[in-house]
Amino acid sequence: MKFSELKSKVEDLGYRVYVDNNATIIGTKDHGWILLIKNYQCGLMSYYDDATYLEPDSLLALQKLAYKYSRTPIDERADEPKFRVKMFPESTGYLGCYLYLDDESNDITIFGDEAGTLFTQSEYDKLQQKYPEWLPKFDKNDPHFEFVEDD
């Protein structure tokens, strides 16, 4: 399970997830700790006092999510970085021309602003294989690929 999946599912239940030093913490909105999952060892998690105040169904749902995340290999928990694909350098006069993938038609186009599609490497690799003559192969050092921070 990826961190973003854990976070989304926990938030859907009305709780929150945050990372503190060597642990991922599932807690209440007012910062109470319910479950703590160690980030350096698989299968290691702890319960905290605020867990005793939850409804049994809520606690069970959170425990299942925490267990699944704790059993995920550590190197598979991180989300893939996201990036935009810039098609022209600024020196050509085409400022901010980014690759855009239409979700419905799967057509690619170029937009002249930062409305370009955000890709993960695996998503982009599939697209690049479909259009190898038009799209550069992924290379994290290539200036075509502009990485963005997570929200």
N, C-alpha and C. Protein backbone atom coordinates (compact mmCIF):
# COMPACT_ATOMS: atom_id res chain seq x y z
N MET A 1 0.85 -1.17 0.00
CA MET A 1 0.00 0.00 0.00
C MET A 1 0.90 1.24 0.00
N LYS A 2 0.58 2.18 -0.85
CA LYS A 2 1.29 3.44 -0.93
C LYS A 2 0.78 4.38 0.17
N PHE A 3 1.63 5.33 0.57
CA PHE A 3 1.25 6.29 1.61
C PHE A 3 0.00 7.07 1.20
N SER A 4 -0.08 7.49 -0.05
CA SER A 4 -1.23 8.29 -0.49
C SER A 4 -2.53 7.49 -0.37
N GLU A 5 -2.47 6.18 -0.62
CA GLU A 5 -3.66 5.34 -0.48
C GLU A 5 -4.08 5.25 0.99
N LEU A 6 -3.10 5.02 1.88
CA LEU A 6 -3.39 4.98 3.31
C LEU A 6 -4.02 6.29 3.75
N LYS A 7 -3.41 7.39 3.37
CA LYS A 7 -3.89 8.71 3.78
C LYS A 7 -5.32 8.95 3.30
N SER A 8 -5.59 8.64 2.06
CA SER A 8 -6.92 8.84 1.49
C SER A 8 -7.97 8.01 2.23
N LYS A 9 -7.69 6.75 2.47
CA LYS A 9 -8.66 5.87 3.12
C LYS A 9 -8.89 6.25 4.58
N VAL A 10 -7.83 6.65 5.27
CA VAL A 10 -7.97 7.07 6.67
C VAL A 10 -8.77 8.37 6.74
N GLU A 11 -8.50 9.31 5.84
CA GLU A 11 -9.25 10.56 5.82
C GLU A 11 -10.71 10.34 5.48
N ASP A 12 -11.00 9.35 4.62
CA ASP A 12 -12.39 9.02 4.30
C ASP A 12 -13.15 8.55 5.54
N LEU A 13 -12.43 7.98 6.51
CA LEU A 13 -13.04 7.53 7.76
C LEU A 13 -13.14 8.65 8.80
N GLY A 14 -12.58 9.83 8.47
CA GLY A 14 -12.68 10.96 9.37
C GLY A 14 -11.50 11.14 10.30
N TYR A 15 -10.39 10.50 10.01
CA TYR A 15 -9.19 10.59 10.84
C TYR A 15 -8.06 11.18 10.00
N ARG A 16 -6.88 11.28 10.57
CA ARG A 16 -5.77 11.87 9.83
C ARG A 16 -4.53 11.01 9.95
N VAL A 17 -3.60 11.22 9.00
CA VAL A 17 -2.33 10.50 8.96
C VAL A 17 -1.23 11.52 8.81
N TYR A 18 -0.16 11.34 9.56
CA TYR A 18 1.00 12.19 9.38
C TYR A 18 2.25 11.40 9.72
N VAL A 19 3.38 11.90 9.25
CA VAL A 19 4.66 11.23 9.48
C VAL A 19 5.44 12.05 10.50
N ASP A 20 5.94 11.36 11.53
CA ASP A 20 6.69 12.01 12.60
C ASP A 20 7.96 11.20 12.85
N ASN A 21 9.09 11.73 12.46
CA ASN A 21 10.39 11.05 12.61
C ASN A 21 10.39 9.68 11.94
N ASN A 22 10.40 8.62 12.71
CA ASN A 22 10.51 7.27 12.15
C ASN A 22 9.19 6.51 12.10
N ALA A 23 8.08 7.23 12.18
CA ALA A 23 6.78 6.55 12.24
C ALA A 23 5.73 7.27 11.41
N THR A 24 4.74 6.50 11.00
CA THR A 24 3.53 7.03 10.39
C THR A 24 2.45 6.89 11.43
N ILE A 25 1.75 7.99 11.71
CA ILE A 25 0.80 8.02 12.80
C ILE A 25 -0.61 8.23 12.27
N ILE A 26 -1.53 7.38 12.73
CA ILE A 26 -2.95 7.57 12.45
C ILE A 26 -3.53 8.17 13.71
N GLY A 27 -4.20 9.31 13.55
CA GLY A 27 -4.70 9.99 14.73
C GLY A 27 -6.03 10.66 14.52
N THR A 28 -6.48 11.29 15.58
CA THR A 28 -7.72 12.05 15.52
C THR A 28 -7.43 13.43 14.98
N LYS A 29 -8.47 14.17 14.66
CA LYS A 29 -8.31 15.52 14.13
C LYS A 29 -7.62 16.45 15.13
N ASP A 30 -7.76 16.17 16.44
CA ASP A 30 -7.13 17.02 17.45
C ASP A 30 -5.76 16.49 17.89
N HIS A 31 -5.11 15.75 17.02
CA HIS A 31 -3.74 15.25 17.20
C HIS A 31 -3.60 14.08 18.17
N GLY A 32 -4.70 13.48 18.59
CA GLY A 32 -4.58 12.29 19.43
C GLY A 32 -4.07 11.11 18.61
N TRP A 33 -3.19 10.32 19.20
CA TRP A 33 -2.62 9.17 18.50
C TRP A 33 -3.49 7.94 18.71
N ILE A 34 -3.78 7.24 17.61
CA ILE A 34 -4.54 6.00 17.67
C ILE A 34 -3.62 4.83 17.37
N LEU A 35 -2.93 4.90 16.23
CA LEU A 35 -2.02 3.83 15.81
C LEU A 35 -0.71 4.44 15.32
N LEU A 36 0.37 3.74 15.58
CA LEU A 36 1.68 4.18 15.13
C LEU A 36 2.32 3.04 14.35
N ILE A 37 2.77 3.33 13.13
CA ILE A 37 3.38 2.32 12.25
C ILE A 37 4.83 2.72 12.05
N LYS A 38 5.74 1.84 12.38
CA LYS A 38 7.17 2.14 12.23
C LYS A 38 7.54 2.18 10.75
N ASN A 39 8.36 3.16 10.37
CA ASN A 39 8.77 3.33 8.98
C ASN A 39 10.08 2.62 8.66
N TYR A 40 10.66 1.93 9.60
CA TYR A 40 11.94 1.26 9.37
C TYR A 40 11.87 -0.25 9.52
N GLN A 41 10.69 -0.79 9.83
CA GLN A 41 10.55 -2.23 9.97
C GLN A 41 9.14 -2.66 9.59
N CYS A 42 9.03 -3.68 8.77
CA CYS A 42 7.71 -4.18 8.36
C CYS A 42 6.99 -4.85 9.53
N GLY A 43 5.69 -4.64 9.58
CA GLY A 43 4.85 -5.33 10.55
C GLY A 43 4.85 -4.77 11.95
N LEU A 44 5.54 -3.67 12.18
CA LEU A 44 5.66 -3.11 13.52
C LEU A 44 4.71 -1.94 13.69
N MET A 45 3.70 -2.12 14.56
CA MET A 45 2.77 -1.04 14.84
C MET A 45 2.34 -1.11 16.30
N SER A 46 1.90 0.02 16.83
CA SER A 46 1.50 0.13 18.23
C SER A 46 0.15 0.83 18.34
N TYR A 47 -0.56 0.56 19.44
CA TYR A 47 -1.84 1.20 19.72
C TYR A 47 -1.63 2.23 20.82
N TYR A 48 -2.45 3.29 20.78
CA TYR A 48 -2.35 4.34 21.80
C TYR A 48 -3.70 4.57 22.45
N ASP A 49 -3.68 5.28 23.57
CA ASP A 49 -4.86 5.47 24.41
C ASP A 49 -6.09 5.95 23.65
N ASP A 50 -5.92 6.85 22.70
CA ASP A 50 -7.09 7.37 22.00
C ASP A 50 -7.84 6.28 21.23
N ALA A 51 -7.21 5.15 20.98
CA ALA A 51 -7.88 4.03 20.31
C ALA A 51 -9.02 3.48 21.15
N THR A 52 -8.91 3.58 22.48
CA THR A 52 -9.95 3.02 23.36
C THR A 52 -11.25 3.80 23.30
N TYR A 53 -11.22 5.03 22.77
CA TYR A 53 -12.42 5.86 22.71
C TYR A 53 -13.17 5.75 21.39
N LEU A 54 -12.67 4.95 20.47
CA LEU A 54 -13.31 4.82 19.16
C LEU A 54 -14.41 3.77 19.19
N GLU A 55 -15.36 3.96 18.28
CA GLU A 55 -16.37 2.92 18.06
C GLU A 55 -15.65 1.68 17.53
N PRO A 56 -16.08 0.49 17.92
CA PRO A 56 -15.39 -0.74 17.48
C PRO A 56 -15.25 -0.86 15.97
N ASP A 57 -16.28 -0.47 15.21
CA ASP A 57 -16.21 -0.57 13.74
C ASP A 57 -15.14 0.36 13.17
N SER A 58 -15.05 1.57 13.72
CA SER A 58 -14.04 2.52 13.26
C SER A 58 -12.64 2.02 13.59
N LEU A 59 -12.47 1.53 14.80
CA LEU A 59 -11.16 1.03 15.20
C LEU A 59 -10.75 -0.15 14.34
N LEU A 60 -11.66 -1.06 14.06
CA LEU A 60 -11.34 -2.22 13.23
C LEU A 60 -10.94 -1.78 11.82
N ALA A 61 -11.65 -0.83 11.24
CA ALA A 61 -11.31 -0.34 9.90
C ALA A 61 -9.92 0.29 9.89
N LEU A 62 -9.59 1.08 10.91
CA LEU A 62 -8.27 1.70 10.99
C LEU A 62 -7.18 0.65 11.22
N GLN A 63 -7.47 -0.35 12.04
CA GLN A 63 -6.50 -1.43 12.30
C GLN A 63 -6.19 -2.19 11.01
N LYS A 64 -7.21 -2.47 10.22
CA LYS A 64 -6.99 -3.19 8.96
C LYS A 64 -6.11 -2.39 8.02
N LEU A 65 -6.37 -1.08 7.92
CA LEU A 65 -5.54 -0.23 7.06
C LEU A 65 -4.11 -0.16 7.57
N ALA A 66 -3.95 0.02 8.87
CA ALA A 66 -2.61 0.11 9.47
C ALA A 66 -1.86 -1.20 9.30
N TYR A 67 -2.54 -2.31 9.47
CA TYR A 67 -1.88 -3.60 9.31
C TYR A 67 -1.41 -3.80 7.87
N LYS A 68 -2.28 -3.49 6.91
CA LYS A 68 -1.91 -3.64 5.50
C LYS A 68 -0.71 -2.75 5.17
N TYR A 69 -0.74 -1.51 5.64
CA TYR A 69 0.38 -0.59 5.37
C TYR A 69 1.65 -1.07 6.07
N SER A 70 1.53 -1.54 7.30
CA SER A 70 2.72 -2.00 8.03
C SER A 70 3.35 -3.23 7.39
N ARG A 71 2.57 -4.02 6.69
CA ARG A 71 3.07 -5.23 6.03
C ARG A 71 3.61 -4.95 4.63
N THR A 72 3.40 -3.75 4.12
CA THR A 72 3.95 -3.37 2.81
C THR A 72 5.45 -3.18 2.95
N PRO A 73 6.25 -3.77 2.06
CA PRO A 73 7.70 -3.55 2.13
C PRO A 73 8.01 -2.05 2.15
N ILE A 74 8.96 -1.67 2.96
CA ILE A 74 9.27 -0.26 3.19
C ILE A 74 9.58 0.48 1.90
N ASP A 75 10.34 -0.17 1.00
CA ASP A 75 10.70 0.51 -0.25
C ASP A 75 9.54 0.61 -1.24
N GLU A 76 8.39 0.02 -0.92
CA GLU A 76 7.21 0.11 -1.79
C GLU A 76 6.14 1.05 -1.25
N ARG A 77 6.39 1.67 -0.11
CA ARG A 77 5.39 2.54 0.51
C ARG A 77 5.36 3.94 -0.10
N ALA A 78 6.48 4.42 -0.56
CA ALA A 78 6.56 5.79 -1.07
C ALA A 78 5.83 5.92 -2.41
N ASP A 79 5.16 7.03 -2.58
CA ASP A 79 4.49 7.32 -3.84
C ASP A 79 5.52 7.73 -4.88
N GLU A 80 5.20 7.43 -6.14
CA GLU A 80 6.09 7.84 -7.23
C GLU A 80 6.05 9.36 -7.35
N PRO A 81 7.22 9.98 -7.61
CA PRO A 81 7.21 11.43 -7.84
C PRO A 81 6.42 11.77 -9.10
N LYS A 82 5.84 12.96 -9.12
CA LYS A 82 5.06 13.41 -10.28
C LYS A 82 5.80 14.52 -10.99
N PHE A 83 5.57 14.59 -12.30
CA PHE A 83 6.24 15.60 -13.11
C PHE A 83 5.37 15.99 -14.29
N ARG A 84 5.69 17.15 -14.85
CA ARG A 84 5.12 17.61 -16.12
C ARG A 84 6.18 17.41 -17.18
N VAL A 85 5.74 17.30 -18.42
CA VAL A 85 6.67 17.15 -19.53
C VAL A 85 6.64 18.45 -20.34
N LYS A 86 7.75 19.17 -20.28
CA LYS A 86 7.88 20.44 -21.01
C LYS A 86 8.42 20.13 -22.39
N MET A 87 7.72 20.62 -23.41
CA MET A 87 8.06 20.22 -24.77
C MET A 87 9.02 21.17 -25.48
N PHE A 88 9.08 22.44 -25.07
CA PHE A 88 9.98 23.40 -25.72
C PHE A 88 10.74 24.18 -24.65
N PRO A 89 12.01 24.50 -24.89
CA PRO A 89 12.74 25.35 -23.95
C PRO A 89 12.29 26.81 -24.10
N GLU A 90 12.48 27.60 -23.04
CA GLU A 90 12.08 29.02 -23.09
C GLU A 90 12.79 29.78 -24.19
N SER A 91 14.00 29.37 -24.53
CA SER A 91 14.79 30.12 -25.52
C SER A 91 14.14 30.12 -26.91
N THR A 92 13.18 29.22 -27.14
CA THR A 92 12.50 29.18 -28.44
C THR A 92 11.34 30.17 -28.51
N GLY A 93 11.02 30.79 -27.39
CA GLY A 93 9.89 31.72 -27.35
C GLY A 93 8.58 31.04 -26.98
N TYR A 94 8.59 29.74 -26.83
CA TYR A 94 7.39 29.00 -26.43
C TYR A 94 7.46 28.76 -24.92
N LEU A 95 6.95 29.72 -24.16
CA LEU A 95 7.03 29.62 -22.70
C LEU A 95 6.01 28.62 -22.17
N GLY A 96 6.49 27.68 -21.39
CA GLY A 96 5.59 26.78 -20.67
C GLY A 96 4.72 25.90 -21.53
N CYS A 97 5.22 25.34 -22.60
CA CYS A 97 4.43 24.43 -23.43
C CYS A 97 4.57 23.02 -22.89
N TYR A 98 3.50 22.53 -22.28
CA TYR A 98 3.53 21.24 -21.61
C TYR A 98 2.67 20.20 -22.31
N LEU A 99 3.08 18.95 -22.16
CA LEU A 99 2.34 17.83 -22.71
C LEU A 99 1.05 17.64 -21.92
N TYR A 100 -0.03 17.41 -22.64
CA TYR A 100 -1.33 17.19 -22.03
C TYR A 100 -1.92 15.90 -22.59
N LEU A 101 -2.42 15.04 -21.71
CA LEU A 101 -3.07 13.79 -22.10
C LEU A 101 -4.56 13.91 -21.79
N ASP A 102 -5.39 13.80 -22.82
CA ASP A 102 -6.84 13.83 -22.63
C ASP A 102 -7.27 12.47 -22.07
N ASP A 103 -7.86 12.50 -20.88
CA ASP A 103 -8.25 11.26 -20.20
C ASP A 103 -9.28 10.43 -20.98
N GLU A 104 -10.17 11.10 -21.67
CA GLU A 104 -11.24 10.39 -22.37
C GLU A 104 -10.76 9.79 -23.69
N SER A 105 -10.08 10.58 -24.50
CA SER A 105 -9.69 10.12 -25.84
C SER A 105 -8.30 9.51 -25.89
N ASN A 106 -7.50 9.74 -24.83
CA ASN A 106 -6.09 9.30 -24.79
C ASN A 106 -5.24 9.98 -25.85
N ASP A 107 -5.70 11.12 -26.36
CA ASP A 107 -4.92 11.91 -27.32
C ASP A 107 -3.95 12.80 -26.55
N ILE A 108 -2.80 13.06 -27.17
CA ILE A 108 -1.85 13.99 -26.56
C ILE A 108 -1.85 15.29 -27.34
N THR A 109 -1.68 16.38 -26.61
CA THR A 109 -1.57 17.71 -27.20
C THR A 109 -0.56 18.50 -26.37
N ILE A 110 -0.29 19.72 -26.81
CA ILE A 110 0.62 20.60 -26.07
C ILE A 110 -0.14 21.87 -25.74
N PHE A 111 -0.08 22.28 -24.46
CA PHE A 111 -0.70 23.51 -24.02
C PHE A 111 0.36 24.51 -23.65
N GLY A 112 0.10 25.77 -23.90
CA GLY A 112 1.06 26.84 -23.63
C GLY A 112 0.95 27.42 -22.25
N ASP A 113 0.65 26.61 -21.27
CA ASP A 113 0.65 27.08 -19.88
C ASP A 113 0.98 25.90 -18.98
N GLU A 114 0.80 26.06 -17.70
CA GLU A 114 1.14 24.97 -16.79
C GLU A 114 -0.03 24.02 -16.56
N ALA A 115 -0.90 23.89 -17.56
CA ALA A 115 -2.03 22.97 -17.45
C ALA A 115 -1.66 21.58 -17.91
N GLY A 116 -0.39 21.34 -18.09
CA GLY A 116 0.04 20.02 -18.55
C GLY A 116 -0.33 18.93 -17.57
N THR A 117 -0.45 17.73 -18.07
CA THR A 117 -0.80 16.57 -17.26
C THR A 117 0.34 16.23 -16.31
N LEU A 118 0.00 15.87 -15.08
CA LEU A 118 0.99 15.35 -14.14
C LEU A 118 1.09 13.85 -14.34
N PHE A 119 2.30 13.37 -14.51
CA PHE A 119 2.56 11.95 -14.74
C PHE A 119 3.42 11.37 -13.63
N THR A 120 3.28 10.06 -13.39
CA THR A 120 4.29 9.31 -12.67
C THR A 120 5.15 8.66 -13.74
N GLN A 121 6.28 8.13 -13.36
CA GLN A 121 7.15 7.51 -14.36
C GLN A 121 6.46 6.35 -15.05
N SER A 122 5.76 5.52 -14.30
CA SER A 122 5.10 4.36 -14.93
C SER A 122 4.01 4.80 -15.91
N GLU A 123 3.27 5.86 -15.58
CA GLU A 123 2.25 6.36 -16.51
C GLU A 123 2.89 6.92 -17.77
N TYR A 124 3.96 7.69 -17.58
CA TYR A 124 4.62 8.29 -18.73
C TYR A 124 5.27 7.23 -19.62
N ASP A 125 5.90 6.23 -19.01
CA ASP A 125 6.55 5.17 -19.80
C ASP A 125 5.56 4.47 -20.73
N LYS A 126 4.34 4.25 -20.27
CA LYS A 126 3.32 3.63 -21.13
C LYS A 126 2.99 4.54 -22.31
N LEU A 127 2.85 5.83 -22.02
CA LEU A 127 2.54 6.79 -23.08
C LEU A 127 3.71 6.92 -24.06
N GLN A 128 4.92 6.95 -23.54
CA GLN A 128 6.11 7.07 -24.39
C GLN A 128 6.24 5.86 -25.31
N GLN A 129 5.87 4.69 -24.83
CA GLN A 129 5.92 3.49 -25.69
C GLN A 129 4.88 3.57 -26.81
N LYS A 130 3.77 4.26 -26.53
CA LYS A 130 2.73 4.42 -27.55
C LYS A 130 3.16 5.43 -28.62
N TYR A 131 3.95 6.47 -28.22
CA TYR A 131 4.40 7.52 -29.13
C TYR A 131 5.92 7.69 -29.06
N PRO A 132 6.68 6.64 -29.35
CA PRO A 132 8.14 6.72 -29.17
C PRO A 132 8.83 7.73 -30.09
N GLU A 133 8.23 7.99 -31.24
CA GLU A 133 8.86 8.93 -32.17
C GLU A 133 8.62 10.39 -31.77
N TRP A 134 7.70 10.63 -30.86
CA TRP A 134 7.35 11.99 -30.48
C TRP A 134 7.76 12.36 -29.05
N LEU A 135 7.81 11.38 -28.18
CA LEU A 135 8.08 11.67 -26.78
C LEU A 135 9.44 11.13 -26.35
N PRO A 136 10.21 11.93 -25.60
CA PRO A 136 11.53 11.46 -25.16
C PRO A 136 11.38 10.37 -24.10
N LYS A 137 12.36 9.47 -24.06
CA LYS A 137 12.39 8.47 -23.00
C LYS A 137 12.61 9.19 -21.68
N PHE A 138 12.04 8.62 -20.62
CA PHE A 138 12.17 9.25 -19.31
C PHE A 138 13.62 9.23 -18.84
N ASP A 139 14.06 10.38 -18.37
CA ASP A 139 15.38 10.53 -17.75
C ASP A 139 15.24 11.65 -16.74
N LYS A 140 15.42 11.33 -15.46
CA LYS A 140 15.18 12.34 -14.42
C LYS A 140 16.07 13.57 -14.56
N ASN A 141 17.17 13.46 -15.31
CA ASN A 141 18.07 14.60 -15.51
C ASN A 141 17.77 15.39 -16.78
N ASP A 142 16.83 14.91 -17.58
CA ASP A 142 16.44 15.59 -18.82
C ASP A 142 15.57 16.79 -18.47
N PRO A 143 15.85 17.98 -19.03
CA PRO A 143 15.06 19.17 -18.68
C PRO A 143 13.60 19.12 -19.17
N HIS A 144 13.26 18.13 -19.99
CA HIS A 144 11.85 17.97 -20.38
C HIS A 144 10.98 17.65 -19.16
N PHE A 145 11.58 17.03 -18.15
CA PHE A 145 10.80 16.52 -17.01
C PHE A 145 10.95 17.46 -15.82
N GLU A 146 9.87 18.15 -15.50
CA GLU A 146 9.84 19.09 -14.38
C GLU A 146 9.05 18.47 -13.24
N PHE A 147 9.76 18.11 -12.18
CA PHE A 147 9.13 17.46 -11.04
C PHE A 147 8.38 18.48 -10.20
N VAL A 148 7.25 18.05 -9.64
CA VAL A 148 6.42 18.93 -8.79
C VAL A 148 6.35 18.35 -7.40
N GLU A 149 6.14 19.21 -6.43
CA GLU A 149 6.00 18.79 -5.04
C GLU A 149 4.60 18.24 -4.84
N ASP A 150 4.48 17.28 -3.90
CA ASP A 150 3.15 16.77 -3.54
C ASP A 150 2.38 17.84 -2.83
N ASP A 151 1.04 17.74 -2.95
CA ASP A 151 0.17 18.71 -2.26
C ASP A 151 0.24 18.50 -0.77
